[in-house]
């Protein structure tokens, strides 16, 4: 079973091999998706904790991200199927399109690991090239011949699955492990898709930016900074105090440099803890780095400072030189082609007005 999507102009297909299935949308979700597909503003909707695991089984154990062997053995066959094999891809639905058209990148979810992959893991034939173990999901990256292999951990000590990125860097396969539930599999599939998207689109002037995006008068400002600086909070304050604005994405929007040199930002399926999967686009008005401060003040940053601020916010594969070589020119164009600011602020109305005054003055 395959579904097709367009994200920032790039076609993507997701194939689920049996016994995996797509979770059907409810009537309420269908109505919501239709609005998001049209780019309508549905407001700020937090993602409910049971968004992925709402599978019609009234059992606390079905909401777990992983299970012990004893818990797994205690499930009925129906519970095992629902726990493992039904994926809720609601966040991708607003970007769904028809099957006509040339596929640019693709990913497959498969339950059966091939023999060569089992041998590589068991005999340690791969070479570890990266370890990400400070933020969830934990993962290790390995190289084996012409492939890059990612091993995911929902928590330390439990392997949730493997993602194999092919040599073309535009296709790959995710292999969930047996004890991983649908919620865990979706988390790792999302990460695999972001990795695939980064590799495939890096040569095309495209980057994912860890930011919250607010659109006002048809143009977008992106708010970014280190974790905990209040990116989402600042966007919500704009909604509260600036009539006529909306949030396009709250975590990982896509920025793409167009053929004519103009720069646009797009909504994406990756919006963190906010249900903001909007099929929208807008010219980029400003890039704003946030810092917490007892005072509200904003300053323009240029040159190396602007570049360093933007590159730090890019969601990328920093250990891979080929990806970085393609992304660096894109970031340089962003830092030079878009007004960049540093906003030291409190979470209040004055901070919004200080920011608004500076970014709208760039028109």
Protein backbone atom coordinates (compact mmCIF):
# COMPACT_ATOMS: atom_id res chain seq x y z
CA UNK A 1 0.00 0.00 0.00
CA UNK A 2 1.51 3.31 -1.12
CA UNK A 3 0.57 6.94 -0.57
CA UNK A 4 2.05 9.96 -2.31
CA UNK A 5 2.79 13.42 -0.96
CA UNK A 6 4.23 16.76 -2.06
CA UNK A 7 6.26 18.67 0.54
CA UNK A 8 7.69 22.04 -0.53
CA UNK A 9 7.34 20.97 -4.15
CA UNK A 10 9.19 17.65 -3.69
CA UNK A 11 7.30 14.40 -4.32
CA UNK A 12 7.55 11.68 -1.68
CA UNK A 13 6.02 8.22 -1.46
CA UNK A 14 5.50 6.09 1.65
CA UNK A 15 4.93 2.38 1.10
CA UNK A 16 3.72 0.05 3.86
CA UNK A 17 4.38 -3.62 3.18
CA UNK A 18 2.01 -6.19 4.63
CA UNK A 19 0.97 -6.53 7.37
CA UNK A 20 1.42 -2.77 7.94
CA UNK A 21 -1.62 -0.58 7.20
CA UNK A 22 -2.49 3.11 7.23
CA UNK A 23 -4.90 4.01 10.03
CA UNK A 24 -8.13 5.35 8.45
CA UNK A 25 -9.08 8.94 9.21
CA UNK A 26 -12.18 9.58 11.28
CA UNK A 27 -14.84 11.90 9.85
CA UNK A 28 -13.59 14.70 12.12
CA UNK A 29 -9.99 14.14 10.99
CA UNK A 30 -11.05 14.09 7.33
CA UNK A 31 -12.69 17.50 7.73
CA UNK A 32 -9.59 18.84 9.50
CA UNK A 33 -7.24 17.47 6.84
CA UNK A 34 -9.29 19.04 4.05
CA UNK A 35 -8.85 22.42 5.72
CA UNK A 36 -5.12 21.91 6.30
CA UNK A 37 -4.66 20.76 2.70
CA UNK A 38 -6.26 23.99 1.50
CA UNK A 39 -3.95 25.89 3.85
CA UNK A 40 -6.75 27.14 6.08
CA UNK A 41 -5.92 28.40 9.56
CA UNK A 42 -7.34 26.00 12.14
CA UNK A 43 -5.64 27.65 15.10
CA UNK A 44 -3.17 26.15 17.56
CA UNK A 45 -4.14 22.56 18.34
CA UNK A 46 -1.84 20.59 20.70
CA UNK A 47 -1.27 17.02 19.56
CA UNK A 48 -3.11 14.71 22.00
CA UNK A 49 -0.99 12.13 23.79
CA UNK A 50 -3.00 9.28 22.24
CA UNK A 51 -2.92 10.62 18.67
CA UNK A 52 -1.00 7.63 17.37
CA UNK A 53 -2.17 4.93 19.75
CA UNK A 54 -5.93 5.59 19.49
CA UNK A 55 -6.58 2.22 17.91
CA UNK A 56 -9.92 1.31 19.43
CA UNK A 57 -8.44 -0.97 22.09
CA UNK A 58 -9.38 0.00 25.63
CA UNK A 59 -6.21 -1.17 27.35
CA UNK A 60 -3.51 0.84 29.09
CA UNK A 61 -0.79 -1.49 27.83
CA UNK A 62 -1.64 -0.62 24.21
CA UNK A 63 -0.45 2.93 24.77
CA UNK A 64 3.11 1.90 25.65
CA UNK A 65 5.93 2.77 23.29
CA UNK A 66 7.58 -0.60 23.88
CA UNK A 67 6.87 -3.81 25.78
CA UNK A 68 8.71 -6.43 27.78
CA UNK A 69 8.76 -9.97 26.42
CA UNK A 70 6.23 -11.00 29.07
CA UNK A 71 3.84 -8.18 28.11
CA UNK A 72 4.16 -9.04 24.42
CA UNK A 73 3.47 -12.73 25.05
CA UNK A 74 0.34 -11.77 26.99
CA UNK A 75 -1.30 -9.95 24.05
CA UNK A 76 -3.98 -11.52 21.88
CA UNK A 77 -3.34 -11.78 18.14
CA UNK A 78 -5.70 -8.82 17.50
CA UNK A 79 -3.94 -6.68 20.09
CA UNK A 80 -0.55 -7.55 18.61
CA UNK A 81 -1.67 -6.52 15.14
CA UNK A 82 -3.15 -3.22 16.33
CA UNK A 83 -0.18 -2.50 18.55
CA UNK A 84 2.39 -3.05 15.84
CA UNK A 85 0.93 -2.67 12.39
CA UNK A 86 -1.43 0.30 12.18
CA UNK A 87 0.29 3.64 11.51
CA UNK A 88 -1.50 6.95 12.03
CA UNK A 89 -0.05 9.22 9.33
CA UNK A 90 -2.50 12.06 9.96
CA UNK A 91 0.31 14.62 9.86
CA UNK A 92 1.15 13.68 6.24
CA UNK A 93 -2.45 13.65 5.00
CA UNK A 94 -2.64 17.43 4.24
CA UNK A 95 0.23 16.93 1.76
CA UNK A 96 -1.24 13.89 0.03
CA UNK A 97 -1.51 13.92 -3.75
CA UNK A 98 -2.30 11.53 -6.59
CA UNK A 99 -0.05 8.82 -7.94
CA UNK A 100 0.56 10.63 -11.23
CA UNK A 101 3.97 12.25 -11.42
CA UNK A 102 7.62 11.28 -11.08
CA UNK A 103 8.59 10.26 -7.56
CA UNK A 104 11.56 12.19 -6.20
CA UNK A 105 12.10 10.22 -2.98
CA UNK A 106 10.59 7.15 -1.40
CA UNK A 107 10.58 5.15 1.81
CA UNK A 108 9.25 1.68 2.59
CA UNK A 109 8.22 0.22 5.96
CA UNK A 110 9.02 -3.50 6.03
CA UNK A 111 8.74 -5.99 8.88
CA UNK A 112 11.17 -8.53 7.42
CA UNK A 113 14.85 -7.62 7.70
CA UNK A 114 16.91 -9.00 4.79
CA UNK A 115 19.59 -11.58 5.47
CA UNK A 116 22.46 -9.26 4.59
CA UNK A 117 21.31 -6.70 7.18
CA UNK A 118 21.02 -9.33 9.93
CA UNK A 119 24.53 -10.53 9.11
CA UNK A 120 25.94 -7.00 9.13
CA UNK A 121 24.49 -6.35 12.58
CA UNK A 122 25.31 -9.73 14.12
CA UNK A 123 28.90 -9.73 12.88
CA UNK A 124 29.49 -6.02 13.42
CA UNK A 125 30.45 -5.47 9.79
CA UNK A 126 29.30 -1.85 9.81
CA UNK A 127 31.32 1.18 10.97
CA UNK A 128 29.72 3.64 13.38
CA UNK A 129 29.99 7.23 12.13
CA UNK A 130 27.69 9.11 14.51
CA UNK A 131 25.92 8.72 17.87
CA UNK A 132 23.03 10.96 18.89
CA UNK A 133 22.24 10.18 22.51
CA UNK A 134 21.38 13.51 24.13
CA UNK A 135 17.85 14.00 22.78
CA UNK A 136 15.11 11.58 21.80
CA UNK A 137 15.03 9.61 19.67
CA UNK A 138 18.49 8.22 20.35
CA UNK A 139 20.15 6.78 17.27
CA UNK A 140 23.46 5.51 15.94
CA UNK A 141 24.55 5.95 12.34
CA UNK A 142 26.66 3.33 10.55
CA UNK A 143 28.22 2.91 7.14
CA UNK A 144 28.29 -0.40 5.31
CA UNK A 145 29.58 -0.41 1.73
CA UNK A 146 27.31 1.97 -0.22
CA UNK A 147 24.62 2.30 2.45
CA UNK A 148 24.04 4.39 5.57
CA UNK A 149 22.21 2.55 8.37
CA UNK A 150 20.52 4.21 11.35
CA UNK A 151 19.63 2.27 14.49
CA UNK A 152 16.96 3.91 16.66
CA UNK A 153 16.36 3.68 20.39
CA UNK A 154 13.18 5.05 22.07
CA UNK A 155 15.17 4.79 25.30
CA UNK A 156 18.60 3.48 26.19
CA UNK A 157 19.10 -0.22 25.69
CA UNK A 158 16.15 -1.04 23.41
CA UNK A 159 16.61 -1.15 19.64
CA UNK A 160 13.37 0.04 18.03
CA UNK A 161 14.32 -0.37 14.38
CA UNK A 162 16.77 0.17 11.54
CA UNK A 163 16.58 2.65 8.66
CA UNK A 164 18.69 1.85 5.60
CA UNK A 165 19.40 4.82 3.32
CA UNK A 166 20.38 3.67 -0.15
CA UNK A 167 23.34 4.93 -2.13
CA UNK A 168 21.13 7.22 -4.25
CA UNK A 169 20.23 9.09 -1.01
CA UNK A 170 16.66 9.38 -2.29
CA UNK A 171 15.24 6.05 -1.17
CA UNK A 172 15.39 3.79 1.86
CA UNK A 173 13.65 1.19 4.01
CA UNK A 174 12.66 1.27 7.67
CA UNK A 175 12.62 -2.06 9.54
CA UNK A 176 10.72 -1.87 12.88
CA UNK A 177 11.72 -4.31 15.61
CA UNK A 178 9.13 -6.77 16.92
CA UNK A 179 8.50 -5.22 20.34
CA UNK A 180 8.17 -1.67 18.99
CA UNK A 181 4.60 -0.39 18.99
CA UNK A 182 2.97 1.82 16.37
CA UNK A 183 3.73 4.94 18.38
CA UNK A 184 7.44 4.17 18.51
CA UNK A 185 7.51 3.12 14.86
CA UNK A 186 5.88 6.38 13.79
CA UNK A 187 8.40 8.39 15.83
CA UNK A 188 11.33 6.64 14.17
CA UNK A 189 9.67 6.73 10.74
CA UNK A 190 9.33 10.51 11.11
CA UNK A 191 13.02 10.80 11.93
CA UNK A 192 13.90 8.53 9.00
CA UNK A 193 11.79 10.67 6.67
CA UNK A 194 13.46 13.86 7.85
CA UNK A 195 16.87 12.25 7.28
CA UNK A 196 15.81 11.09 3.81
CA UNK A 197 14.32 14.51 3.00
CA UNK A 198 17.52 16.26 4.08
CA UNK A 199 19.78 14.03 1.97
CA UNK A 200 17.51 14.14 -1.10
CA UNK A 201 16.76 17.87 -1.17
CA UNK A 202 20.07 19.34 0.02
CA UNK A 203 21.32 19.76 -3.58
CA UNK A 204 18.15 21.70 -4.44
CA UNK A 205 18.57 24.76 -2.22
CA UNK A 206 16.32 23.26 0.47
CA UNK A 207 16.76 23.07 4.25
CA UNK A 208 14.67 22.16 7.27
CA UNK A 209 14.93 24.81 9.95
CA UNK A 210 14.17 24.18 13.63
CA UNK A 211 11.87 27.17 14.03
CA UNK A 212 8.33 28.41 14.55
CA UNK A 213 6.88 30.35 11.62
CA UNK A 214 4.38 33.21 11.83
CA UNK A 215 2.87 34.75 8.70
CA UNK A 216 1.70 38.36 8.66
CA UNK A 217 0.47 40.34 5.65
CA UNK A 218 1.44 37.45 3.38
CA UNK A 219 5.08 37.17 4.51
CA UNK A 220 6.69 34.92 7.09
CA UNK A 221 9.00 35.50 10.04
CA UNK A 222 10.86 32.49 11.44
CA UNK A 223 11.69 32.41 15.15
CA UNK A 224 14.53 30.15 16.23
CA UNK A 225 17.01 29.68 19.05
CA UNK A 226 18.33 27.10 21.48
CA UNK A 227 15.83 24.76 23.10
CA UNK A 228 13.67 26.49 25.69
CA UNK A 229 14.04 30.04 24.37
CA UNK A 230 10.32 30.31 23.61
CA UNK A 231 9.90 29.91 19.85
CA UNK A 232 6.38 28.52 20.10
CA UNK A 233 5.49 30.94 22.88
CA UNK A 234 6.54 33.91 20.77
CA UNK A 235 4.43 32.71 17.83
CA UNK A 236 1.42 32.34 20.11
CA UNK A 237 1.95 35.87 21.41
CA UNK A 238 1.84 37.13 17.83
CA UNK A 239 -1.50 35.36 17.39
CA UNK A 240 -2.75 37.01 20.56
CA UNK A 241 -1.62 40.57 19.90
CA UNK A 242 -1.31 40.96 16.10
CA UNK A 243 -4.61 40.63 14.22
CA UNK A 244 -4.46 38.86 10.88
CA UNK A 245 -1.43 36.64 11.46
CA UNK A 246 -1.26 32.84 11.52
CA UNK A 247 1.22 30.07 12.35
CA UNK A 248 2.45 28.09 9.33
CA UNK A 249 4.54 25.51 11.23
CA UNK A 250 5.71 25.21 14.82
CA UNK A 251 8.88 23.09 14.68
CA UNK A 252 10.46 22.14 11.32
CA UNK A 253 9.33 24.17 8.32
CA UNK A 254 11.02 23.81 4.94
CA UNK A 255 12.90 26.74 3.39
CA UNK A 256 13.57 26.56 -0.32
CA UNK A 257 15.44 28.94 -2.60
CA UNK A 258 13.50 29.31 -5.83
CA UNK A 259 14.95 29.27 -9.35
CA UNK A 260 14.60 33.07 -9.54
CA UNK A 261 16.57 33.49 -6.29
CA UNK A 262 13.57 34.32 -4.11
CA UNK A 263 13.23 32.52 -0.77
CA UNK A 264 10.07 30.79 0.43
CA UNK A 265 9.07 28.85 3.53
CA UNK A 266 6.64 25.93 3.44
CA UNK A 267 4.55 24.07 5.95
CA UNK A 268 5.64 20.49 6.62
CA UNK A 269 4.40 17.29 8.32
CA UNK A 270 6.95 17.90 11.09
CA UNK A 271 5.49 20.37 13.55
CA UNK A 272 6.51 19.05 16.95
CA UNK A 273 3.82 19.04 19.63
CA UNK A 274 1.46 21.26 17.63
CA UNK A 275 -1.07 19.98 15.10
CA UNK A 276 0.03 22.47 12.47
CA UNK A 277 0.57 20.35 9.37
CA UNK A 278 -0.48 23.04 6.92
CA UNK A 279 -0.06 22.90 3.15
CA UNK A 280 1.00 26.55 2.85
CA UNK A 281 3.88 28.66 1.57
CA UNK A 282 5.00 32.28 1.86
CA UNK A 283 7.97 34.53 1.06
CA UNK A 284 10.39 34.79 3.98
CA UNK A 285 10.30 38.26 5.55
CA UNK A 286 12.84 37.79 8.36
CA UNK A 287 14.83 35.30 10.43
CA UNK A 288 14.75 36.08 14.15
CA UNK A 289 17.00 34.46 16.75
CA UNK A 290 15.44 34.56 20.21
CA UNK A 291 17.18 34.95 23.56
CA UNK A 292 15.50 35.13 26.95
CA UNK A 293 16.11 38.46 28.66
CA UNK A 294 14.58 40.75 31.31
CA UNK A 295 14.36 43.47 28.64
CA UNK A 296 12.86 43.57 25.15
CA UNK A 297 15.28 44.73 22.50
CA UNK A 298 16.04 43.76 18.92
CA UNK A 299 19.10 44.31 16.74
CA UNK A 300 19.99 43.53 13.15
CA UNK A 301 22.73 40.96 12.64
CA UNK A 302 24.74 40.53 9.46
CA UNK A 303 27.58 38.64 7.89
CA UNK A 304 29.25 35.89 9.88
CA UNK A 305 27.00 36.38 12.92
CA UNK A 306 23.89 35.94 10.78
CA UNK A 307 25.35 32.87 9.06
CA UNK A 308 26.38 31.27 12.37
CA UNK A 309 22.91 31.86 13.82
CA UNK A 310 21.10 30.29 10.87
CA UNK A 311 23.41 27.29 10.40
CA UNK A 312 22.97 26.43 14.10
CA UNK A 313 19.20 26.20 13.57
CA UNK A 314 19.31 24.02 10.45
CA UNK A 315 18.08 20.45 10.99
CA UNK A 316 20.76 18.58 9.11
CA UNK A 317 23.21 15.69 9.06
CA UNK A 318 26.25 17.56 10.34
CA UNK A 319 28.58 14.57 10.35
CA UNK A 320 28.10 13.99 6.61
CA UNK A 321 30.38 16.27 4.62
CA UNK A 322 28.53 15.74 1.32
CA UNK A 323 25.28 17.01 2.84
CA UNK A 324 26.96 19.93 4.58
CA UNK A 325 28.76 20.91 1.37
CA UNK A 326 25.37 21.25 -0.32
CA UNK A 327 23.63 22.98 2.58
CA UNK A 328 26.29 25.61 3.31
CA UNK A 329 25.67 27.59 0.08
CA UNK A 330 21.93 27.58 0.85
CA UNK A 331 22.52 28.92 4.35
CA UNK A 332 24.85 31.59 2.97
CA UNK A 333 22.09 32.75 0.61
CA UNK A 334 19.62 32.83 3.50
CA UNK A 335 21.94 34.85 5.72
CA UNK A 336 22.68 37.31 2.91
CA UNK A 337 19.26 37.41 1.27
CA UNK A 338 16.94 37.65 4.28
CA UNK A 339 17.04 40.26 7.07
CA UNK A 340 18.33 38.56 10.24
CA UNK A 341 17.73 39.80 13.78
CA UNK A 342 18.57 38.96 17.37
CA UNK A 343 15.62 39.47 19.73
CA UNK A 344 16.33 39.55 23.46
CA UNK A 345 12.94 39.37 25.07
CA UNK A 346 10.42 38.52 27.72
CA UNK A 347 7.30 36.48 26.83
CA UNK A 348 4.94 39.46 26.65
CA UNK A 349 3.10 41.84 24.33
CA UNK A 350 5.92 44.38 24.27
CA UNK A 351 8.31 41.76 22.86
CA UNK A 352 5.90 41.15 19.98
CA UNK A 353 5.57 44.85 19.21
CA UNK A 354 9.34 45.39 19.33
CA UNK A 355 9.84 42.47 16.96
CA UNK A 356 6.98 43.46 14.65
CA UNK A 357 8.27 46.99 14.34
CA UNK A 358 11.72 45.81 13.25
CA UNK A 359 10.77 43.06 10.81
CA UNK A 360 7.99 45.00 9.07
CA UNK A 361 10.34 47.95 8.58
CA UNK A 362 12.39 45.77 6.23
CA UNK A 363 9.71 45.91 3.54
